[in-house]
C-alpha atoms as a PDB file:
ATOM      1  CA  MET A   1      80.585 -45.723 121.246  1.00  0.00           C
ATOM      2  CA  LYS A   2      80.957 -45.444 117.619  1.00  0.00           C
ATOM      3  CA  HIS A   3      77.805 -45.141 115.560  1.00  0.00           C
ATOM      4  CA  ILE A   4      76.765 -46.034 111.865  1.00  0.00           C
ATOM      5  CA  ILE A   5      73.858 -43.928 110.686  1.00  0.00           C
ATOM      6  CA  VAL A   6      71.344 -45.551 108.311  1.00  0.00           C
ATOM      7  CA  ASN A   7      68.805 -43.589 106.430  1.00  0.00           C
ATOM      8  CA  ALA A   8      65.710 -45.527 105.309  1.00  0.00           C
ATOM      9  CA  THR A   9      62.667 -43.107 105.971  1.00  0.00           C
ATOM     10  CA  ALA A  10      61.169 -43.777 102.497  1.00  0.00           C
ATOM     11  CA  LEU A  11      61.204 -47.602 102.677  1.00  0.00           C
ATOM     12  CA  ALA A  12      57.754 -48.314 104.164  1.00  0.00           C
ATOM     13  CA  SER A  13      56.172 -50.813 101.683  1.00  0.00           C
ATOM     14  CA  SER A  14      56.700 -53.150  98.697  1.00  0.00           C
ATOM     15  CA  GLY A  15      60.240 -53.701  97.567  1.00  0.00           C
ATOM     16  CA  GLY A  16      61.795 -50.928  99.600  1.00  0.00           C
ATOM     17  CA  LEU A  17      60.552 -52.510 102.872  1.00  0.00           C
ATOM     18  CA  SER A  18      61.953 -55.849 101.707  1.00  0.00           C
ATOM     19  CA  ILE A  19      65.185 -54.154 101.244  1.00  0.00           C
ATOM     20  CA  LEU A  20      65.249 -52.576 104.735  1.00  0.00           C
ATOM     21  CA  LYS A  21      64.247 -55.942 106.442  1.00  0.00           C
ATOM     22  CA  GLN A  22      67.053 -57.780 104.545  1.00  0.00           C
ATOM     23  CA  PHE A  23      69.554 -55.150 105.652  1.00  0.00           C
ATOM     24  CA  ILE A  24      68.499 -55.381 109.236  1.00  0.00           C
ATOM     25  CA  ASP A  25      68.869 -59.153 109.125  1.00  0.00           C
ATOM     26  CA  GLU A  26      72.445 -58.768 107.939  1.00  0.00           C
ATOM     27  CA  ILE A  27      73.569 -56.174 110.529  1.00  0.00           C
ATOM     28  CA  PRO A  28      76.418 -57.810 112.526  1.00  0.00           C
ATOM     29  CA  GLU A  29      76.432 -57.718 116.234  1.00  0.00           C
ATOM     30  CA  ASP A  30      79.808 -55.921 116.395  1.00  0.00           C
ATOM     31  CA  GLU A  31      81.239 -53.039 118.374  1.00  0.00           C
ATOM     32  CA  PHE A  32      79.232 -50.373 116.517  1.00  0.00           C
ATOM     33  CA  GLU A  33      75.696 -49.097 117.145  1.00  0.00           C
ATOM     34  CA  TYR A  34      73.573 -48.880 114.174  1.00  0.00           C
ATOM     35  CA  ILE A  35      71.044 -46.123 114.214  1.00  0.00           C
ATOM     36  CA  LEU A  36      68.334 -46.610 111.621  1.00  0.00           C
ATOM     37  CA  PHE A  37      65.947 -43.674 110.653  1.00  0.00           C
ATOM     38  CA  VAL A  38      62.741 -45.364 109.482  1.00  0.00           C
ATOM     39  CA  SER A  39      59.171 -44.414 108.577  1.00  0.00           C
ATOM     40  CA  ASP A  40      57.152 -43.836 111.750  1.00  0.00           C
ATOM     41  CA  GLU A  41      54.443 -46.121 110.258  1.00  0.00           C
ATOM     42  CA  LEU A  42      56.708 -49.230 110.710  1.00  0.00           C
ATOM     43  CA  LYS A  43      56.744 -51.298 113.805  1.00  0.00           C
ATOM     44  CA  LEU A  44      60.174 -52.908 113.409  1.00  0.00           C
ATOM     45  CA  GLU A  45      61.796 -55.337 115.975  1.00  0.00           C
ATOM     46  CA  THR A  46      65.075 -57.059 116.187  1.00  0.00           C
ATOM     47  CA  SER A  47      66.892 -59.003 118.906  1.00  0.00           C
ATOM     48  CA  LYS A  48      70.106 -57.332 118.031  1.00  0.00           C
ATOM     49  CA  LYS A  49      71.239 -55.115 121.019  1.00  0.00           C
ATOM     50  CA  ASN A  50      73.324 -52.821 118.783  1.00  0.00           C
ATOM     51  CA  VAL A  51      70.451 -51.678 116.483  1.00  0.00           C
ATOM     52  CA  ARG A  52      68.301 -48.697 117.267  1.00  0.00           C
ATOM     53  CA  PHE A  53      65.138 -47.584 115.302  1.00  0.00           C
ATOM     54  CA  ILE A  54      64.007 -43.995 115.254  1.00  0.00           C
ATOM     55  CA  GLY A  55      60.700 -43.260 113.429  1.00  0.00           C
ATOM     56  CA  LYS A  56      60.449 -40.112 111.334  1.00  0.00           C
ATOM     57  CA  ASN A  57      57.534 -38.681 109.495  1.00  0.00           C
ATOM     58  CA  VAL A  58      59.094 -37.349 106.238  1.00  0.00           C
ATOM     59  CA  LYS A  59      56.592 -38.600 103.582  1.00  0.00           C
ATOM     60  CA  THR A  60      56.624 -35.775 101.273  1.00  0.00           C
ATOM     61  CA  PHE A  61      59.575 -35.072  98.978  1.00  0.00           C
ATOM     62  CA  TYR A  62      60.011 -31.640 100.438  1.00  0.00           C
ATOM     63  CA  LYS A  63      60.248 -32.905 104.047  1.00  0.00           C
ATOM     64  CA  ARG A  64      62.538 -35.755 102.881  1.00  0.00           C
ATOM     65  CA  PHE A  65      64.879 -33.251 101.231  1.00  0.00           C
ATOM     66  CA  LEU A  66      65.022 -31.109 104.433  1.00  0.00           C
ATOM     67  CA  TRP A  67      65.674 -34.100 106.550  1.00  0.00           C
ATOM     68  CA  ASP A  68      68.440 -35.318 104.298  1.00  0.00           C
ATOM     69  CA  ALA A  69      69.957 -31.936 103.932  1.00  0.00           C
ATOM     70  CA  PHE A  70      69.791 -30.580 107.382  1.00  0.00           C
ATOM     71  CA  GLY A  71      67.920 -32.859 109.863  1.00  0.00           C
ATOM     72  CA  ILE A  72      70.108 -35.818 110.084  1.00  0.00           C
ATOM     73  CA  LYS A  73      73.273 -33.772 110.562  1.00  0.00           C
ATOM     74  CA  LYS A  74      71.404 -31.667 113.203  1.00  0.00           C
ATOM     75  CA  TRP A  75      70.280 -34.718 115.075  1.00  0.00           C
ATOM     76  CA  ILE A  76      73.666 -36.195 115.095  1.00  0.00           C
ATOM     77  CA  LYS A  77      75.073 -32.960 116.616  1.00  0.00           C
ATOM     78  CA  GLU A  78      72.437 -32.428 119.254  1.00  0.00           C
ATOM     79  CA  ASN A  79      72.761 -36.194 120.318  1.00  0.00           C
ATOM     80  CA  ASN A  80      76.489 -36.150 120.496  1.00  0.00           C
ATOM     81  CA  ILE A  81      76.730 -39.110 118.111  1.00  0.00           C
ATOM     82  CA  ASN A  82      80.131 -40.345 117.086  1.00  0.00           C
ATOM     83  CA  CYS A  83      79.376 -41.084 113.478  1.00  0.00           C
ATOM     84  CA  VAL A  84      81.937 -43.206 111.715  1.00  0.00           C
ATOM     85  CA  ALA A  85      79.986 -44.116 108.532  1.00  0.00           C
ATOM     86  CA  ALA A  86      76.718 -43.261 106.888  1.00  0.00           C
ATOM     87  CA  ILE A  87      74.507 -45.539 104.787  1.00  0.00           C
ATOM     88  CA  SER A  88      71.545 -44.483 102.590  1.00  0.00           C
ATOM     89  CA  LEU A  89      69.224 -47.317 101.573  1.00  0.00           C
ATOM     90  CA  GLN A  90      67.067 -45.059  99.495  1.00  0.00           C
ATOM     91  CA  ASN A  91      68.996 -43.911  96.383  1.00  0.00           C
ATOM     92  CA  THR A  92      69.864 -40.459  97.600  1.00  0.00           C
ATOM     93  CA  ASN A  93      72.563 -39.631  99.936  1.00  0.00           C
ATOM     94  CA  PHE A  94      72.311 -37.260 103.009  1.00  0.00           C
ATOM     95  CA  ARG A  95      74.660 -34.675 104.520  1.00  0.00           C
ATOM     96  CA  THR A  96      77.155 -35.607 107.123  1.00  0.00           C
ATOM     97  CA  ASN A  97      80.706 -35.119 107.849  1.00  0.00           C
ATOM     98  CA  LYS A  98      82.502 -35.329 104.344  1.00  0.00           C
ATOM     99  CA  THR A  99      85.449 -37.110 105.858  1.00  0.00           C
ATOM    100  CA  ILE A 100      83.679 -40.273 106.773  1.00  0.00           C
ATOM    101  CA  PRO A 101      82.800 -43.164 104.481  1.00  0.00           C
ATOM    102  CA  ASN A 102      79.371 -43.009 103.024  1.00  0.00           C
ATOM    103  CA  PHE A 103      77.369 -45.611 101.091  1.00  0.00           C
ATOM    104  CA  ILE A 104      74.288 -45.445  98.847  1.00  0.00           C
ATOM    105  CA  TYR A 105      72.109 -48.455  98.008  1.00  0.00           C
ATOM    106  CA  PHE A 106      70.787 -47.394  94.613  1.00  0.00           C
ATOM    107  CA  HIS A 107      67.741 -49.329  93.317  1.00  0.00           C
ATOM    108  CA  GLN A 108      65.995 -46.892  90.958  1.00  0.00           C
ATOM    109  CA  SER A 109      66.426 -47.606  87.297  1.00  0.00           C
ATOM    110  CA  ILE A 110      63.944 -45.027  85.819  1.00  0.00           C
ATOM    111  CA  PRO A 111      66.657 -42.355  85.208  1.00  0.00           C
ATOM    112  CA  PHE A 112      68.469 -44.632  82.869  1.00  0.00           C
ATOM    113  CA  PHE A 113      65.700 -45.555  80.469  1.00  0.00           C
ATOM    114  CA  GLN A 114      65.213 -43.498  77.202  1.00  0.00           C
ATOM    115  CA  LYS A 115      61.484 -43.395  77.679  1.00  0.00           C
ATOM    116  CA  LYS A 116      60.155 -39.762  77.744  1.00  0.00           C
ATOM    117  CA  TRP A 117      57.413 -39.357  80.340  1.00  0.00           C
ATOM    118  CA  ASN A 118      54.901 -36.617  80.154  1.00  0.00           C
ATOM    119  CA  PRO A 119      54.736 -34.461  83.211  1.00  0.00           C
ATOM    120  CA  PHE A 120      51.172 -33.289  82.414  1.00  0.00           C
ATOM    121  CA  LYS A 121      49.730 -36.768  82.590  1.00  0.00           C
ATOM    122  CA  SER A 122      48.732 -37.835  86.096  1.00  0.00           C
ATOM    123  CA  ASN A 123      50.081 -41.347  85.665  1.00  0.00           C
ATOM    124  CA  GLU A 124      53.364 -40.263  84.316  1.00  0.00           C
ATOM    125  CA  LYS A 125      54.281 -37.008  86.208  1.00  0.00           C
ATOM    126  CA  SER A 126      56.009 -38.921  88.991  1.00  0.00           C
ATOM    127  CA  LEU A 127      58.134 -40.878  86.496  1.00  0.00           C
ATOM    128  CA  TRP A 128      58.949 -37.700  84.631  1.00  0.00           C
ATOM    129  CA  PHE A 129      60.193 -36.345  88.034  1.00  0.00           C
ATOM    130  CA  TYR A 130      62.215 -39.463  88.685  1.00  0.00           C
ATOM    131  CA  LYS A 131      63.895 -39.347  85.290  1.00  0.00           C
ATOM    132  CA  ASN A 132      64.557 -35.630  84.974  1.00  0.00           C
ATOM    133  CA  ILE A 133      64.695 -34.141  88.434  1.00  0.00           C
ATOM    134  CA  TYR A 134      65.560 -36.954  90.800  1.00  0.00           C
ATOM    135  CA  PRO A 135      69.088 -37.437  89.552  1.00  0.00           C
ATOM    136  CA  PHE A 136      69.982 -33.901  90.879  1.00  0.00           C
ATOM    137  CA  PHE A 137      69.101 -35.050  94.445  1.00  0.00           C
ATOM    138  CA  VAL A 138      71.011 -38.378  93.901  1.00  0.00           C
ATOM    139  CA  GLN A 139      74.286 -36.553  93.129  1.00  0.00           C
ATOM    140  CA  LEU A 140      73.781 -33.596  95.565  1.00  0.00           C
ATOM    141  CA  PHE A 141      75.583 -34.973  98.551  1.00  0.00           C
ATOM    142  CA  MET A 142      77.913 -37.384  96.905  1.00  0.00           C
ATOM    143  CA  ASN A 143      81.628 -36.896  97.523  1.00  0.00           C
ATOM    144  CA  LYS A 144      85.077 -38.622  96.949  1.00  0.00           C
ATOM    145  CA  ASN A 145      84.139 -40.865  99.995  1.00  0.00           C
ATOM    146  CA  THR A 146      80.932 -42.156  98.437  1.00  0.00           C
ATOM    147  CA  GLU A 147      80.610 -45.894  97.526  1.00  0.00           C
ATOM    148  CA  VAL A 148      77.612 -47.131  95.646  1.00  0.00           C
ATOM    149  CA  PHE A 149      75.831 -50.507  95.645  1.00  0.00           C
ATOM    150  CA  VAL A 150      73.259 -51.527  93.011  1.00  0.00           C
ATOM    151  CA  GLN A 151      71.385 -54.741  92.095  1.00  0.00           C
ATOM    152  CA  SER A 152      72.387 -55.241  88.521  1.00  0.00           C
ATOM    153  CA  ASN A 153      75.081 -54.554  85.985  1.00  0.00           C
ATOM    154  CA  PHE A 154      72.559 -52.567  83.990  1.00  0.00           C
ATOM    155  CA  ILE A 155      72.094 -50.116  86.927  1.00  0.00           C
ATOM    156  CA  LYS A 156      75.901 -49.994  87.479  1.00  0.00           C
ATOM    157  CA  ASP A 157      76.448 -49.009  83.728  1.00  0.00           C
ATOM    158  CA  GLY A 158      73.659 -46.448  84.015  1.00  0.00           C
ATOM    159  CA  PHE A 159      74.878 -44.915  87.159  1.00  0.00           C
ATOM    160  CA  THR A 160      78.467 -44.573  85.832  1.00  0.00           C
ATOM    161  CA  GLU A 161      77.279 -42.896  82.726  1.00  0.00           C
ATOM    162  CA  HIS A 162      74.682 -40.684  84.262  1.00  0.00           C
ATOM    163  CA  PHE A 163      76.717 -39.443  87.421  1.00  0.00           C
ATOM    164  CA  ASP A 164      80.239 -39.706  85.861  1.00  0.00           C
ATOM    165  CA  ILE A 165      81.431 -41.922  88.622  1.00  0.00           C
ATOM    166  CA  SER A 166      84.164 -44.550  88.316  1.00  0.00           C
ATOM    167  CA  LYS A 167      83.015 -48.174  88.159  1.00  0.00           C
ATOM    168  CA  ASP A 168      85.455 -49.020  90.829  1.00  0.00           C
ATOM    169  CA  ARG A 169      83.287 -47.142  93.294  1.00  0.00           C
ATOM    170  CA  ILE A 170      80.178 -49.094  92.359  1.00  0.00           C
ATOM    171  CA  GLN A 171      79.630 -52.699  93.587  1.00  0.00           C
ATOM    172  CA  VAL A 172      76.812 -55.012  92.255  1.00  0.00           C
ATOM    173  CA  ILE A 173      75.048 -57.186  94.957  1.00  0.00           C
ATOM    174  CA  SER A 174      72.097 -59.337  94.285  1.00  0.00           C
ATOM    175  CA  PRO A 175      69.130 -59.174  96.632  1.00  0.00           C
ATOM    176  CA  LYS A 176      69.067 -61.964  99.142  1.00  0.00           C
ATOM    177  CA  LEU A 177      65.931 -64.059  98.471  1.00  0.00           C
ATOM    178  CA  ALA A 178      64.793 -65.681 101.757  1.00  0.00           C
ATOM    179  CA  VAL A 179      62.239 -68.420 100.668  1.00  0.00           C
ATOM    180  CA  PRO A 180      60.067 -69.641 103.622  1.00  0.00           C
ATOM    181  CA  ILE A 181      59.612 -73.256 104.156  1.00  0.00           C
ATOM    182  CA  LEU A 182      55.898 -74.064 103.584  1.00  0.00           C
ATOM    183  CA  ASN A 183      53.833 -77.124 104.156  1.00  0.00           C
ATOM    184  CA  GLU A 184      51.238 -75.940 101.642  1.00  0.00           C
ATOM    185  CA  THR A 185      51.635 -76.983  97.937  1.00  0.00           C
ATOM    186  CA  LYS A 186      48.380 -75.783  96.667  1.00  0.00           C
ATOM    187  CA  TYR A 187      46.757 -72.386  96.581  1.00  0.00           C
ATOM    188  CA  SER A 188      42.960 -72.500  97.085  1.00  0.00           C
ATOM    189  CA  ASN A 189      42.133 -69.941  94.424  1.00  0.00           C
ATOM    190  CA  GLN A 190      43.840 -71.706  91.637  1.00  0.00           C
ATOM    191  CA  ASN A 191      41.921 -73.869  89.217  1.00  0.00           C
ATOM    192  CA  GLN A 192      43.916 -76.824  88.123  1.00  0.00           C
ATOM    193  CA  ASP A 193      41.927 -77.044  84.916  1.00  0.00           C
ATOM    194  CA  LYS A 194      43.094 -73.580  83.813  1.00  0.00           C
ATOM    195  CA  ILE A 195      46.242 -72.070  82.684  1.00  0.00           C
ATOM    196  CA  ASN A 196      47.167 -69.994  85.888  1.00  0.00           C
ATOM    197  CA  LEU A 197      49.395 -66.996  85.331  1.00  0.00           C
ATOM    198  CA  PHE A 198      50.698 -64.955  88.136  1.00  0.00           C
ATOM    199  CA  TYR A 199      52.201 -61.422  87.743  1.00  0.00           C
ATOM    200  CA  PRO A 200      53.192 -59.907  91.150  1.00  0.00           C
ATOM    201  CA  ALA A 201      53.766 -56.239  90.316  1.00  0.00           C
ATOM    202  CA  THR A 202      52.515 -52.959  91.576  1.00  0.00           C
ATOM    203  CA  PRO A 203      50.257 -51.077  89.046  1.00  0.00           C
ATOM    204  CA  PHE A 204      52.720 -48.500  87.859  1.00  0.00           C
ATOM    205  CA  ILE A 205      52.762 -47.697  84.064  1.00  0.00           C
ATOM    206  CA  TYR A 206      56.300 -48.903  83.542  1.00  0.00           C
ATOM    207  CA  LYS A 207      55.379 -52.444  84.938  1.00  0.00           C
ATOM    208  CA  ASN A 208      53.803 -52.969  81.490  1.00  0.00           C
ATOM    209  CA  HIS A 209      50.572 -54.493  82.646  1.00  0.00           C
ATOM    210  CA  SER A 210      49.039 -53.118  79.279  1.00  0.00           C
ATOM    211  CA  MET A 211      51.436 -55.155  77.196  1.00  0.00           C
ATOM    212  CA  LEU A 212      50.438 -58.297  79.075  1.00  0.00           C
ATOM    213  CA  PHE A 213      46.719 -57.508  78.363  1.00  0.00           C
ATOM    214  CA  GLU A 214      47.319 -57.000  74.822  1.00  0.00           C
ATOM    215  CA  ALA A 215      49.453 -60.110  74.418  1.00  0.00           C
ATOM    216  CA  ILE A 216      46.573 -62.254  75.845  1.00  0.00           C
ATOM    217  CA  SER A 217      44.152 -60.549  73.601  1.00  0.00           C
ATOM    218  CA  LEU A 218      46.009 -61.851  70.616  1.00  0.00           C
ATOM    219  CA  ILE A 219      45.075 -65.407  71.762  1.00  0.00           C
ATOM    220  CA  ASP A 220      41.975 -67.192  70.344  1.00  0.00           C
ATOM    221  CA  GLU A 221      38.902 -66.315  72.468  1.00  0.00           C
ATOM    222  CA  GLU A 222      38.301 -70.124  73.376  1.00  0.00           C
ATOM    223  CA  LEU A 223      41.811 -70.467  74.655  1.00  0.00           C
ATOM    224  CA  GLN A 224      41.394 -67.108  76.490  1.00  0.00           C
ATOM    225  CA  LYS A 225      38.597 -68.865  78.563  1.00  0.00           C
ATOM    226  CA  LYS A 226      41.110 -71.326  79.806  1.00  0.00           C
ATOM    227  CA  ILE A 227      43.418 -68.766  81.264  1.00  0.00           C
ATOM    228  CA  THR A 228      43.440 -67.025  84.685  1.00  0.00           C
ATOM    229  CA  LEU A 229      45.759 -64.137  85.441  1.00  0.00           C
ATOM    230  CA  THR A 230      46.489 -63.292  89.097  1.00  0.00           C
ATOM    231  CA  LEU A 231      47.522 -59.757  89.849  1.00  0.00           C
ATOM    232  CA  THR A 232      48.517 -57.949  92.961  1.00  0.00           C
ATOM    233  CA  CYS A 233      46.491 -54.840  92.462  1.00  0.00           C
ATOM    234  CA  THR A 234      42.740 -53.724  92.336  1.00  0.00           C
ATOM    235  CA  LYS A 235      40.390 -53.656  89.294  1.00  0.00           C
ATOM    236  CA  GLU A 236      40.120 -49.870  89.914  1.00  0.00           C
ATOM    237  CA  GLU A 237      43.950 -49.411  89.658  1.00  0.00           C
ATOM    238  CA  ILE A 238      44.267 -51.007  86.232  1.00  0.00           C
ATOM    239  CA  GLY A 239      40.795 -51.221  84.767  1.00  0.00           C
ATOM    240  CA  HIS A 240      41.277 -48.021  82.708  1.00  0.00           C
ATOM    241  CA  ILE A 241      44.182 -49.678  80.646  1.00  0.00           C
ATOM    242  CA  ILE A 242      42.223 -52.963  79.804  1.00  0.00           C
ATOM    243  CA  LYS A 243      41.084 -52.267  76.191  1.00  0.00           C
ATOM    244  CA  ASN A 244      39.417 -55.694  75.811  1.00  0.00           C
ATOM    245  CA  GLN A 245      36.928 -55.724  78.596  1.00  0.00           C
ATOM    246  CA  SER A 246      36.245 -59.460  78.001  1.00  0.00           C
ATOM    247  CA  LEU A 247      39.702 -60.100  79.848  1.00  0.00           C
ATOM    248  CA  ILE A 248      38.067 -58.851  83.198  1.00  0.00           C
ATOM    249  CA  SER A 249      36.488 -62.353  83.657  1.00  0.00           C
ATOM    250  CA  ILE A 250      39.874 -63.983  83.601  1.00  0.00           C
ATOM    251  CA  LEU A 251      41.464 -61.809  86.268  1.00  0.00           C
ATOM    252  CA  ILE A 252      41.940 -62.494  89.926  1.00  0.00           C
ATOM    253  CA  PHE A 253      42.849 -59.405  92.129  1.00  0.00           C
ATOM    254  CA  LEU A 254      44.813 -60.212  95.181  1.00  0.00           C
ATOM    255  CA  VAL A 255      45.550 -56.563  96.048  1.00  0.00           C
ATOM    256  CA  ARG A 256      48.551 -56.602  98.506  1.00  0.00           C
ATOM    257  CA  PHE A 257      49.281 -59.659 100.619  1.00  0.00           C
ATOM    258  CA  PRO A 258      51.873 -60.962 103.042  1.00  0.00           C
ATOM    259  CA  PHE A 259      55.198 -62.263 101.689  1.00  0.00           C
ATOM    260  CA  GLN A 260      54.521 -65.756 102.838  1.00  0.00           C
ATOM    261  CA  LYS A 261      51.342 -65.976 100.867  1.00  0.00           C
ATOM    262  CA  PHE A 262      53.317 -65.010  97.731  1.00  0.00           C
ATOM    263  CA  TRP A 263      55.378 -68.050  98.224  1.00  0.00           C
ATOM    264  CA  ILE A 264      52.287 -70.360  98.671  1.00  0.00           C
ATOM    265  CA  ILE A 265      51.271 -69.310  95.168  1.00  0.00           C
ATOM    266  CA  ILE A 266      54.777 -69.815  93.772  1.00  0.00           C
ATOM    267  CA  ASN A 267      55.040 -73.115  95.391  1.00  0.00           C
ATOM    268  CA  TRP A 268      51.663 -74.130  93.838  1.00  0.00           C
ATOM    269  CA  LEU A 269      52.740 -72.900  90.470  1.00  0.00           C
ATOM    270  CA  MET A 270      56.084 -74.865  90.593  1.00  0.00           C
ATOM    271  CA  HIS A 271      54.209 -77.991  91.788  1.00  0.00           C
ATOM    272  CA  TRP A 272      52.025 -77.848  88.684  1.00  0.00           C
ATOM    273  CA  CYS A 273      54.483 -76.263  86.073  1.00  0.00           C
ATOM    274  CA  PHE A 274      55.408 -79.538  84.296  1.00  0.00           C
ATOM    275  CA  LYS A 275      51.781 -80.219  83.537  1.00  0.00           C
ATOM    276  CA  LEU A 276      51.457 -76.715  82.028  1.00  0.00           C
ATOM    277  CA  TYR A 277      54.624 -76.824  80.113  1.00  0.00           C
ATOM    278  CA  ARG A 278      53.690 -80.160  78.328  1.00  0.00           C
ATOM    279  CA  ASN A 279      50.259 -78.571  77.444  1.00  0.00           C
ATOM    280  CA  ASN A 280      49.734 -77.164  74.009  1.00  0.00           C
ATOM    281  CA  TRP A 281      47.884 -74.184  75.508  1.00  0.00           C
ATOM    282  CA  VAL A 282      51.065 -72.918  77.046  1.00  0.00           C
ATOM    283  CA  ALA A 283      52.930 -73.346  73.819  1.00  0.00           C
ATOM    284  CA  ALA A 284      50.189 -71.222  72.101  1.00  0.00           C
ATOM    285  CA  PHE A 285      50.392 -68.563  74.790  1.00  0.00           C
ATOM    286  CA  ARG A 286      54.126 -68.386  74.662  1.00  0.00           C
ATOM    287  CA  SER A 287      54.132 -67.956  70.916  1.00  0.00           C
ATOM    288  CA  CYS A 288      51.589 -65.146  71.000  1.00  0.00           C
ATOM    289  CA  PHE A 289      53.132 -63.429  73.919  1.00  0.00           C
ATOM    290  CA  PHE A 290      56.644 -63.288  72.741  1.00  0.00           C
ATOM    291  CA  ARG A 291      55.662 -62.353  69.209  1.00  0.00           C
ATOM    292  CA  PHE A 292      53.967 -59.339  70.573  1.00  0.00           C
ATOM    293  CA  ALA A 293      56.604 -58.377  73.156  1.00  0.00           C
ATOM    294  CA  ASN A 294      59.452 -58.721  70.592  1.00  0.00           C
ATOM    295  CA  HIS A 295      57.566 -56.344  68.369  1.00  0.00           C
ATOM    296  CA  ASN A 296      56.592 -53.774  71.062  1.00  0.00           C
ATOM    297  CA  PHE A 297      59.021 -53.948  74.023  1.00  0.00           C
ATOM    298  CA  LYS A 298      61.525 -51.377  72.761  1.00  0.00           C
ATOM    299  CA  SER A 299      58.949 -48.812  71.710  1.00  0.00           C
ATOM    300  CA  SER A 300      56.982 -49.297  75.075  1.00  0.00           C
ATOM    301  CA  VAL A 301      59.938 -49.194  77.398  1.00  0.00           C
ATOM    302  CA  CYS A 302      62.985 -47.638  75.835  1.00  0.00           C
ATOM    303  CA  THR A 303      61.868 -45.040  73.441  1.00  0.00           C
END
């Protein structure tokens, strides 16, 4: 049998896990067997008979590099795998036979921003690594048979410039968004008498939570009391960046939650959005936020 090797050991949570699950859903039931190396923390199942999951514990970057550089190729040889194509879903390629087609799904935009991160700050050192060191590993195992898939034209342009690769070898594919059908149109934690804002984002510095907090701080205090902001993180994770401590009272912390619960909230907000849009509160908030964002966005993200 002919095999296609898929490396996805780093996709264990958040957006990365969504990418992995979407990929599994799209695997065709054809003449190939798809061998997926995934995190050993995951319990993945599929009814497709030509899909095999192999759990690996390669959490640290050092272990991941050894696996990509030597482990996969060694495993293929020891198990007499007839590998006809290789796919990496996690930005960096891995070493296989150079004559076979190999594909990278690249979804990391940090290397392409002009922002300079400080390696001596605890909340920036990983971002400094992704901008300055990570690109070396992205390019390390690329060859003339490498094709790249990205999510946007911005990443395509950045990848072309950064890695000196022809745009003809880079394809833009938008993520597939599977919206569940729900009977619930309300989310119990939302107050219909308030302006309910929802910002589903992990508490990384480049997600710009601080910009959001500063924008709300520009609003009149009486109007602030009519706002609730729902976040998908904990108070401990973002409390240190809230300069105006009075904002704590308007925040709702959901931490991490299932994908379906996310759509319950979105459905509720869509159900109520026309009431909000006609309300002068929203007009005031939009004005303050975009006035602040237009002034600060470039210095916060791109410089």
